[in-house]
Amino acid sequence: MSDVRARHAAGFTLIEVMLAITLVALIMAMAYGGFRASIRATTSGEELIEETNRLRVTHQFVRTQLSQALALVIEDEAADDEPVRFEGEQQRVRFVAPMPGYLSYGGPYVQQFSLERGNNGLDLVFSFAMLNGYLPGDLEDSDPVTLLEGLREGGFFFLGLDEDDQAPYWADFWDKPADLPLAVGLNLDLDRDRGLAWPELVTPVRVDAGATAGPAQVRRASDMMLRRRER
């Protein structure tokens, strides 16, 4: 009995110490894993909120600027001796519109939205230059602003009226640079895996009383386009 009491009084055995260390290590590993998971979840949530806000702000900015397009001459003569007021292609639009006050010095600006190849797909890029004193190439010499990055694909499309029967039609190329389209749309396919999507963007451009088509025709043409896509 004295020998047993002596061994117990001497302290823990090596096996008991190893078991205690192993349990402590397991508890610390579990706690660290949970801590890392919470950090990743927080970071991912913040990134998702930031990207959602950027998508919303970009969508609103593109819609606002396109809807404010003015029938002002960008260049005096095009190839067919007509003034250029609006240029529209699948990957680019160029037009004149006022800029937000915090970005401008007053007066109208030549503005361009373009889809350009970036490091991780397509980028939506915005360029601008003052209309007063504008010369071809000024947009290329300006510092562009990248609005969205890493897009899978996208394109602009334009609403016009057939000259014969005045029926509205959609096209991915605007062939009347001397005139403004009735509406402009932009589709973007986001290369994202978090459920983010670019909302359908179709904004009227020319909705004044003298326009040949009003908002109702723009809505009908938009509905027609959506039905075709669903089919």
C-alpha atoms as a PDB file:
ATOM      1  CA  MET A   1       0.000   0.000   0.000  1.00  0.00           C
ATOM      2  CA  SER A   2       2.854   2.350   0.748  1.00  0.00           C
ATOM      3  CA  ASP A   3       4.380   1.634  -2.686  1.00  0.00           C
ATOM      4  CA  VAL A   4       1.074   2.481  -4.499  1.00  0.00           C
ATOM      5  CA  ARG A   5       0.707   5.709  -2.548  1.00  0.00           C
ATOM      6  CA  ALA A   6       4.280   6.615  -3.392  1.00  0.00           C
ATOM      7  CA  ARG A   7       3.740   6.117  -7.118  1.00  0.00           C
ATOM      8  CA  HIS A   8       0.585   8.266  -7.103  1.00  0.00           C
ATOM      9  CA  ALA A   9       2.308  10.968  -5.118  1.00  0.00           C
ATOM     10  CA  ALA A  10       5.176  11.034  -7.625  1.00  0.00           C
ATOM     11  CA  GLY A  11       2.935  12.564 -10.377  1.00  0.00           C
ATOM     12  CA  PHE A  12       1.434  11.534 -13.753  1.00  0.00           C
ATOM     13  CA  THR A  13       2.755   8.745 -15.878  1.00  0.00           C
ATOM     14  CA  LEU A  14       4.114   9.363 -19.384  1.00  0.00           C
ATOM     15  CA  ILE A  15       1.008   7.823 -20.970  1.00  0.00           C
ATOM     16  CA  GLU A  16      -1.273  10.137 -19.000  1.00  0.00           C
ATOM     17  CA  VAL A  17       0.761  13.180 -20.074  1.00  0.00           C
ATOM     18  CA  MET A  18       0.662  12.104 -23.739  1.00  0.00           C
ATOM     19  CA  LEU A  19      -3.099  11.580 -23.591  1.00  0.00           C
ATOM     20  CA  ALA A  20      -3.593  15.008 -22.020  1.00  0.00           C
ATOM     21  CA  ILE A  21      -1.422  16.672 -24.689  1.00  0.00           C
ATOM     22  CA  THR A  22      -3.298  14.863 -27.456  1.00  0.00           C
ATOM     23  CA  LEU A  23      -6.686  15.974 -26.093  1.00  0.00           C
ATOM     24  CA  VAL A  24      -5.510  19.575 -25.756  1.00  0.00           C
ATOM     25  CA  ALA A  25      -4.157  19.489 -29.336  1.00  0.00           C
ATOM     26  CA  LEU A  26      -7.461  18.135 -30.664  1.00  0.00           C
ATOM     27  CA  ILE A  27      -9.448  20.809 -28.831  1.00  0.00           C
ATOM     28  CA  MET A  28      -7.149  23.559 -30.122  1.00  0.00           C
ATOM     29  CA  ALA A  29      -7.349  22.215 -33.689  1.00  0.00           C
ATOM     30  CA  MET A  30     -11.146  22.154 -33.547  1.00  0.00           C
ATOM     31  CA  ALA A  31     -11.253  25.685 -32.117  1.00  0.00           C
ATOM     32  CA  TYR A  32      -8.810  26.963 -34.761  1.00  0.00           C
ATOM     33  CA  GLY A  33     -10.802  25.290 -37.539  1.00  0.00           C
ATOM     34  CA  GLY A  34     -14.005  26.932 -36.354  1.00  0.00           C
ATOM     35  CA  PHE A  35     -12.247  30.283 -36.092  1.00  0.00           C
ATOM     36  CA  ARG A  36     -10.896  29.988 -39.649  1.00  0.00           C
ATOM     37  CA  ALA A  37     -14.325  28.978 -40.947  1.00  0.00           C
ATOM     38  CA  SER A  38     -15.969  31.982 -39.310  1.00  0.00           C
ATOM     39  CA  ILE A  39     -13.332  34.305 -40.813  1.00  0.00           C
ATOM     40  CA  ARG A  40     -13.865  32.820 -44.286  1.00  0.00           C
ATOM     41  CA  ALA A  41     -17.633  33.153 -43.963  1.00  0.00           C
ATOM     42  CA  THR A  42     -17.326  36.768 -42.836  1.00  0.00           C
ATOM     43  CA  THR A  43     -14.890  37.641 -45.623  1.00  0.00           C
ATOM     44  CA  SER A  44     -17.003  35.901 -48.237  1.00  0.00           C
ATOM     45  CA  GLY A  45     -20.125  37.698 -47.043  1.00  0.00           C
ATOM     46  CA  GLU A  46     -18.397  41.077 -47.144  1.00  0.00           C
ATOM     47  CA  GLU A  47     -17.070  40.400 -50.647  1.00  0.00           C
ATOM     48  CA  LEU A  48     -20.525  39.368 -51.836  1.00  0.00           C
ATOM     49  CA  ILE A  49     -22.091  42.530 -50.402  1.00  0.00           C
ATOM     50  CA  GLU A  50     -19.385  44.691 -51.981  1.00  0.00           C
ATOM     51  CA  GLU A  51     -19.768  43.042 -55.385  1.00  0.00           C
ATOM     52  CA  THR A  52     -23.564  43.283 -55.210  1.00  0.00           C
ATOM     53  CA  ASN A  53     -23.333  46.997 -54.437  1.00  0.00           C
ATOM     54  CA  ARG A  54     -20.870  47.528 -57.279  1.00  0.00           C
ATOM     55  CA  LEU A  55     -23.153  45.695 -59.671  1.00  0.00           C
ATOM     56  CA  ARG A  56     -26.141  47.791 -58.595  1.00  0.00           C
ATOM     57  CA  VAL A  57     -24.247  51.092 -58.861  1.00  0.00           C
ATOM     58  CA  THR A  58     -22.837  50.188 -62.283  1.00  0.00           C
ATOM     59  CA  HIS A  59     -26.254  49.153 -63.578  1.00  0.00           C
ATOM     60  CA  GLN A  60     -27.775  52.450 -62.425  1.00  0.00           C
ATOM     61  CA  PHE A  61     -24.893  54.508 -63.816  1.00  0.00           C
ATOM     62  CA  VAL A  62     -25.034  52.894 -67.279  1.00  0.00           C
ATOM     63  CA  ARG A  63     -28.819  53.256 -67.406  1.00  0.00           C
ATOM     64  CA  THR A  64     -28.722  56.912 -66.340  1.00  0.00           C
ATOM     65  CA  GLN A  65     -26.010  57.960 -68.773  1.00  0.00           C
ATOM     66  CA  LEU A  66     -27.602  56.195 -71.759  1.00  0.00           C
ATOM     67  CA  SER A  67     -31.035  57.607 -70.991  1.00  0.00           C
ATOM     68  CA  GLN A  68     -29.600  61.146 -70.991  1.00  0.00           C
ATOM     69  CA  ALA A  69     -28.033  60.889 -74.463  1.00  0.00           C
ATOM     70  CA  LEU A  70     -28.296  64.146 -76.397  1.00  0.00           C
ATOM     71  CA  ALA A  71     -28.660  64.670 -80.138  1.00  0.00           C
ATOM     72  CA  LEU A  72     -25.431  66.685 -80.296  1.00  0.00           C
ATOM     73  CA  VAL A  73     -22.835  66.210 -83.001  1.00  0.00           C
ATOM     74  CA  ILE A  74     -19.710  64.334 -81.962  1.00  0.00           C
ATOM     75  CA  GLU A  75     -17.984  64.614 -85.313  1.00  0.00           C
ATOM     76  CA  ASP A  76     -19.016  66.839 -88.193  1.00  0.00           C
ATOM     77  CA  GLU A  77     -18.961  64.220 -90.925  1.00  0.00           C
ATOM     78  CA  ALA A  78     -19.017  60.458 -91.114  1.00  0.00           C
ATOM     79  CA  ALA A  79     -18.049  58.327 -94.086  1.00  0.00           C
ATOM     80  CA  ASP A  80     -21.358  59.124 -95.809  1.00  0.00           C
ATOM     81  CA  ASP A  81     -21.094  62.895 -95.147  1.00  0.00           C
ATOM     82  CA  GLU A  82     -23.549  62.769 -92.238  1.00  0.00           C
ATOM     83  CA  PRO A  83     -22.845  64.071 -88.749  1.00  0.00           C
ATOM     84  CA  VAL A  84     -22.142  61.513 -86.049  1.00  0.00           C
ATOM     85  CA  ARG A  85     -24.426  61.789 -83.015  1.00  0.00           C
ATOM     86  CA  PHE A  86     -24.501  58.195 -81.808  1.00  0.00           C
ATOM     87  CA  GLU A  87     -22.298  55.193 -82.529  1.00  0.00           C
ATOM     88  CA  GLY A  88     -23.468  51.758 -81.482  1.00  0.00           C
ATOM     89  CA  GLU A  89     -21.840  48.373 -81.903  1.00  0.00           C
ATOM     90  CA  GLN A  90     -22.167  45.117 -80.035  1.00  0.00           C
ATOM     91  CA  GLN A  91     -19.037  45.852 -78.009  1.00  0.00           C
ATOM     92  CA  ARG A  92     -19.187  49.654 -77.818  1.00  0.00           C
ATOM     93  CA  VAL A  93     -21.443  52.725 -77.660  1.00  0.00           C
ATOM     94  CA  ARG A  94     -20.389  56.351 -78.059  1.00  0.00           C
ATOM     95  CA  PHE A  95     -22.704  59.282 -77.431  1.00  0.00           C
ATOM     96  CA  VAL A  96     -23.002  62.742 -75.863  1.00  0.00           C
ATOM     97  CA  ALA A  97     -24.638  63.259 -72.469  1.00  0.00           C
ATOM     98  CA  PRO A  98     -24.193  65.320 -69.311  1.00  0.00           C
ATOM     99  CA  MET A  99     -21.927  63.921 -66.648  1.00  0.00           C
ATOM    100  CA  PRO A 100     -22.689  63.725 -62.924  1.00  0.00           C
ATOM    101  CA  GLY A 101     -21.656  66.931 -61.217  1.00  0.00           C
ATOM    102  CA  TYR A 102     -18.926  65.308 -59.143  1.00  0.00           C
ATOM    103  CA  LEU A 103     -17.207  64.012 -62.314  1.00  0.00           C
ATOM    104  CA  SER A 104     -17.456  66.992 -64.648  1.00  0.00           C
ATOM    105  CA  TYR A 105     -16.586  70.639 -65.106  1.00  0.00           C
ATOM    106  CA  GLY A 106     -19.960  71.416 -66.652  1.00  0.00           C
ATOM    107  CA  GLY A 107     -21.239  71.044 -70.187  1.00  0.00           C
ATOM    108  CA  PRO A 108     -21.871  67.902 -72.250  1.00  0.00           C
ATOM    109  CA  TYR A 109     -19.313  65.130 -72.533  1.00  0.00           C
ATOM    110  CA  VAL A 110     -18.553  62.553 -75.195  1.00  0.00           C
ATOM    111  CA  GLN A 111     -18.943  59.225 -73.398  1.00  0.00           C
ATOM    112  CA  GLN A 112     -18.187  55.656 -74.298  1.00  0.00           C
ATOM    113  CA  PHE A 113     -19.033  52.306 -72.747  1.00  0.00           C
ATOM    114  CA  SER A 114     -17.026  49.431 -74.174  1.00  0.00           C
ATOM    115  CA  LEU A 115     -16.445  45.755 -73.540  1.00  0.00           C
ATOM    116  CA  GLU A 116     -12.726  45.091 -73.708  1.00  0.00           C
ATOM    117  CA  ARG A 117     -10.637  41.983 -73.194  1.00  0.00           C
ATOM    118  CA  GLY A 118      -9.027  41.974 -69.759  1.00  0.00           C
ATOM    119  CA  ASN A 119      -6.909  39.599 -67.712  1.00  0.00           C
ATOM    120  CA  ASN A 120      -9.869  37.449 -66.586  1.00  0.00           C
ATOM    121  CA  GLY A 121     -12.405  37.837 -69.385  1.00  0.00           C
ATOM    122  CA  LEU A 122     -14.239  40.924 -70.553  1.00  0.00           C
ATOM    123  CA  ASP A 123     -14.191  44.242 -68.717  1.00  0.00           C
ATOM    124  CA  LEU A 124     -16.863  46.947 -68.902  1.00  0.00           C
ATOM    125  CA  VAL A 125     -14.913  50.181 -69.391  1.00  0.00           C
ATOM    126  CA  PHE A 126     -16.118  53.789 -69.321  1.00  0.00           C
ATOM    127  CA  SER A 127     -14.287  56.646 -71.086  1.00  0.00           C
ATOM    128  CA  PHE A 128     -15.225  60.308 -71.376  1.00  0.00           C
ATOM    129  CA  ALA A 129     -13.967  63.631 -72.743  1.00  0.00           C
ATOM    130  CA  MET A 130     -15.435  67.118 -72.938  1.00  0.00           C
ATOM    131  CA  LEU A 131     -17.419  67.802 -76.114  1.00  0.00           C
ATOM    132  CA  ASN A 132     -16.055  71.318 -76.287  1.00  0.00           C
ATOM    133  CA  GLY A 133     -12.880  71.000 -78.338  1.00  0.00           C
ATOM    134  CA  TYR A 134     -13.315  67.246 -78.821  1.00  0.00           C
ATOM    135  CA  LEU A 135     -11.126  65.599 -81.459  1.00  0.00           C
ATOM    136  CA  PRO A 136     -11.098  61.983 -82.654  1.00  0.00           C
ATOM    137  CA  GLY A 137      -8.807  60.022 -80.378  1.00  0.00           C
ATOM    138  CA  ASP A 138      -9.499  62.063 -77.235  1.00  0.00           C
ATOM    139  CA  LEU A 139     -11.364  59.152 -75.658  1.00  0.00           C
ATOM    140  CA  GLU A 140      -8.438  56.830 -76.258  1.00  0.00           C
ATOM    141  CA  ASP A 141      -6.077  59.360 -74.676  1.00  0.00           C
ATOM    142  CA  SER A 142      -8.242  59.733 -71.550  1.00  0.00           C
ATOM    143  CA  ASP A 143      -7.918  57.581 -68.437  1.00  0.00           C
ATOM    144  CA  PRO A 144     -10.674  54.953 -68.682  1.00  0.00           C
ATOM    145  CA  VAL A 145     -12.580  53.670 -65.673  1.00  0.00           C
ATOM    146  CA  THR A 146     -13.128  49.929 -65.326  1.00  0.00           C
ATOM    147  CA  LEU A 147     -16.663  49.425 -64.014  1.00  0.00           C
ATOM    148  CA  LEU A 148     -16.851  45.617 -63.986  1.00  0.00           C
ATOM    149  CA  GLU A 149     -14.232  42.921 -64.454  1.00  0.00           C
ATOM    150  CA  GLY A 150     -14.201  39.220 -65.297  1.00  0.00           C
ATOM    151  CA  LEU A 151     -17.295  39.034 -67.519  1.00  0.00           C
ATOM    152  CA  ARG A 152     -17.919  35.904 -69.560  1.00  0.00           C
ATOM    153  CA  GLU A 153     -19.631  37.687 -72.458  1.00  0.00           C
ATOM    154  CA  GLY A 154     -21.958  40.571 -73.221  1.00  0.00           C
ATOM    155  CA  GLY A 155     -23.154  43.048 -75.792  1.00  0.00           C
ATOM    156  CA  PHE A 156     -25.184  46.176 -76.498  1.00  0.00           C
ATOM    157  CA  PHE A 157     -28.348  46.199 -78.605  1.00  0.00           C
ATOM    158  CA  PHE A 158     -30.404  49.012 -80.060  1.00  0.00           C
ATOM    159  CA  LEU A 159     -34.057  49.724 -80.818  1.00  0.00           C
ATOM    160  CA  GLY A 160     -34.954  51.394 -84.095  1.00  0.00           C
ATOM    161  CA  LEU A 161     -37.956  51.859 -86.375  1.00  0.00           C
ATOM    162  CA  ASP A 162     -38.283  50.363 -89.812  1.00  0.00           C
ATOM    163  CA  GLU A 163     -38.496  53.186 -92.356  1.00  0.00           C
ATOM    164  CA  ASP A 164     -41.178  51.426 -94.396  1.00  0.00           C
ATOM    165  CA  ASP A 165     -43.770  50.173 -91.928  1.00  0.00           C
ATOM    166  CA  GLN A 166     -42.535  51.981 -88.766  1.00  0.00           C
ATOM    167  CA  ALA A 167     -42.279  48.653 -86.954  1.00  0.00           C
ATOM    168  CA  PRO A 168     -39.794  48.543 -84.068  1.00  0.00           C
ATOM    169  CA  TYR A 169     -36.823  46.226 -84.376  1.00  0.00           C
ATOM    170  CA  TRP A 170     -33.780  45.294 -82.289  1.00  0.00           C
ATOM    171  CA  ALA A 171     -30.266  45.137 -83.717  1.00  0.00           C
ATOM    172  CA  ASP A 172     -26.764  44.688 -82.305  1.00  0.00           C
ATOM    173  CA  PHE A 173     -25.399  47.408 -84.629  1.00  0.00           C
ATOM    174  CA  TRP A 174     -26.697  50.957 -84.998  1.00  0.00           C
ATOM    175  CA  ASP A 175     -26.470  51.918 -88.666  1.00  0.00           C
ATOM    176  CA  LYS A 176     -27.835  55.475 -88.369  1.00  0.00           C
ATOM    177  CA  PRO A 177     -25.073  57.477 -86.662  1.00  0.00           C
ATOM    178  CA  ALA A 178     -26.808  60.777 -87.465  1.00  0.00           C
ATOM    179  CA  ASP A 179     -29.812  59.731 -85.322  1.00  0.00           C
ATOM    180  CA  LEU A 180     -30.274  58.398 -81.828  1.00  0.00           C
ATOM    181  CA  PRO A 181     -31.869  54.989 -81.237  1.00  0.00           C
ATOM    182  CA  LEU A 182     -35.157  54.767 -79.412  1.00  0.00           C
ATOM    183  CA  ALA A 183     -33.644  52.608 -76.697  1.00  0.00           C
ATOM    184  CA  VAL A 184     -30.384  50.925 -75.778  1.00  0.00           C
ATOM    185  CA  GLY A 185     -29.909  47.673 -73.924  1.00  0.00           C
ATOM    186  CA  LEU A 186     -26.958  45.879 -72.397  1.00  0.00           C
ATOM    187  CA  ASN A 187     -26.721  42.188 -71.592  1.00  0.00           C
ATOM    188  CA  LEU A 188     -23.860  40.851 -69.494  1.00  0.00           C
ATOM    189  CA  ASP A 189     -23.073  37.293 -68.507  1.00  0.00           C
ATOM    190  CA  LEU A 190     -21.229  37.437 -65.206  1.00  0.00           C
ATOM    191  CA  ASP A 191     -18.596  34.783 -64.692  1.00  0.00           C
ATOM    192  CA  ARG A 192     -19.549  34.296 -61.055  1.00  0.00           C
ATOM    193  CA  ASP A 193     -20.355  31.274 -58.891  1.00  0.00           C
ATOM    194  CA  ARG A 194     -22.287  33.075 -56.127  1.00  0.00           C
ATOM    195  CA  GLY A 195     -25.633  33.506 -57.852  1.00  0.00           C
ATOM    196  CA  LEU A 196     -25.009  37.077 -58.990  1.00  0.00           C
ATOM    197  CA  ALA A 197     -26.650  38.101 -62.259  1.00  0.00           C
ATOM    198  CA  TRP A 198     -26.774  41.275 -64.335  1.00  0.00           C
ATOM    199  CA  PRO A 199     -30.357  42.591 -64.314  1.00  0.00           C
ATOM    200  CA  GLU A 200     -31.950  43.137 -67.706  1.00  0.00           C
ATOM    201  CA  LEU A 201     -31.039  46.655 -68.849  1.00  0.00           C
ATOM    202  CA  VAL A 202     -33.192  48.354 -71.499  1.00  0.00           C
ATOM    203  CA  THR A 203     -33.489  52.123 -71.249  1.00  0.00           C
ATOM    204  CA  PRO A 204     -35.344  54.532 -73.554  1.00  0.00           C
ATOM    205  CA  VAL A 205     -33.151  57.188 -75.131  1.00  0.00           C
ATOM    206  CA  ARG A 206     -35.469  59.369 -77.177  1.00  0.00           C
ATOM    207  CA  VAL A 207     -38.786  59.841 -75.366  1.00  0.00           C
ATOM    208  CA  ASP A 208     -39.567  63.498 -76.192  1.00  0.00           C
ATOM    209  CA  ALA A 209     -42.878  64.575 -77.672  1.00  0.00           C
ATOM    210  CA  GLY A 210     -41.442  64.795 -81.190  1.00  0.00           C
ATOM    211  CA  ALA A 211     -40.062  61.299 -81.202  1.00  0.00           C
ATOM    212  CA  THR A 212     -41.488  58.821 -83.651  1.00  0.00           C
ATOM    213  CA  ALA A 213     -41.981  56.238 -80.940  1.00  0.00           C
ATOM    214  CA  GLY A 214     -42.958  56.638 -77.337  1.00  0.00           C
ATOM    215  CA  PRO A 215     -42.375  54.677 -74.145  1.00  0.00           C
ATOM    216  CA  ALA A 216     -45.290  52.342 -74.952  1.00  0.00           C
ATOM    217  CA  GLN A 217     -43.612  51.203 -78.169  1.00  0.00           C
ATOM    218  CA  VAL A 218     -40.339  50.779 -76.334  1.00  0.00           C
ATOM    219  CA  ARG A 219     -42.064  48.565 -73.778  1.00  0.00           C
ATOM    220  CA  ARG A 220     -43.751  46.516 -76.524  1.00  0.00           C
ATOM    221  CA  ALA A 221     -40.443  46.046 -78.310  1.00  0.00           C
ATOM    222  CA  SER A 222     -38.798  45.038 -75.015  1.00  0.00           C
ATOM    223  CA  ASP A 223     -41.543  42.478 -74.348  1.00  0.00           C
ATOM    224  CA  MET A 224     -41.119  41.117 -77.884  1.00  0.00           C
ATOM    225  CA  MET A 225     -37.388  40.719 -77.357  1.00  0.00           C
ATOM    226  CA  LEU A 226     -37.891  38.924 -74.031  1.00  0.00           C
ATOM    227  CA  ARG A 227     -40.426  36.516 -75.564  1.00  0.00           C
ATOM    228  CA  ARG A 228     -38.013  35.635 -78.335  1.00  0.00           C
ATOM    229  CA  ARG A 229     -35.266  34.910 -75.815  1.00  0.00           C
ATOM    230  CA  GLU A 230     -37.541  32.694 -73.749  1.00  0.00           C
ATOM    231  CA  ARG A 231     -38.289  30.628 -76.857  1.00  0.00           C
END
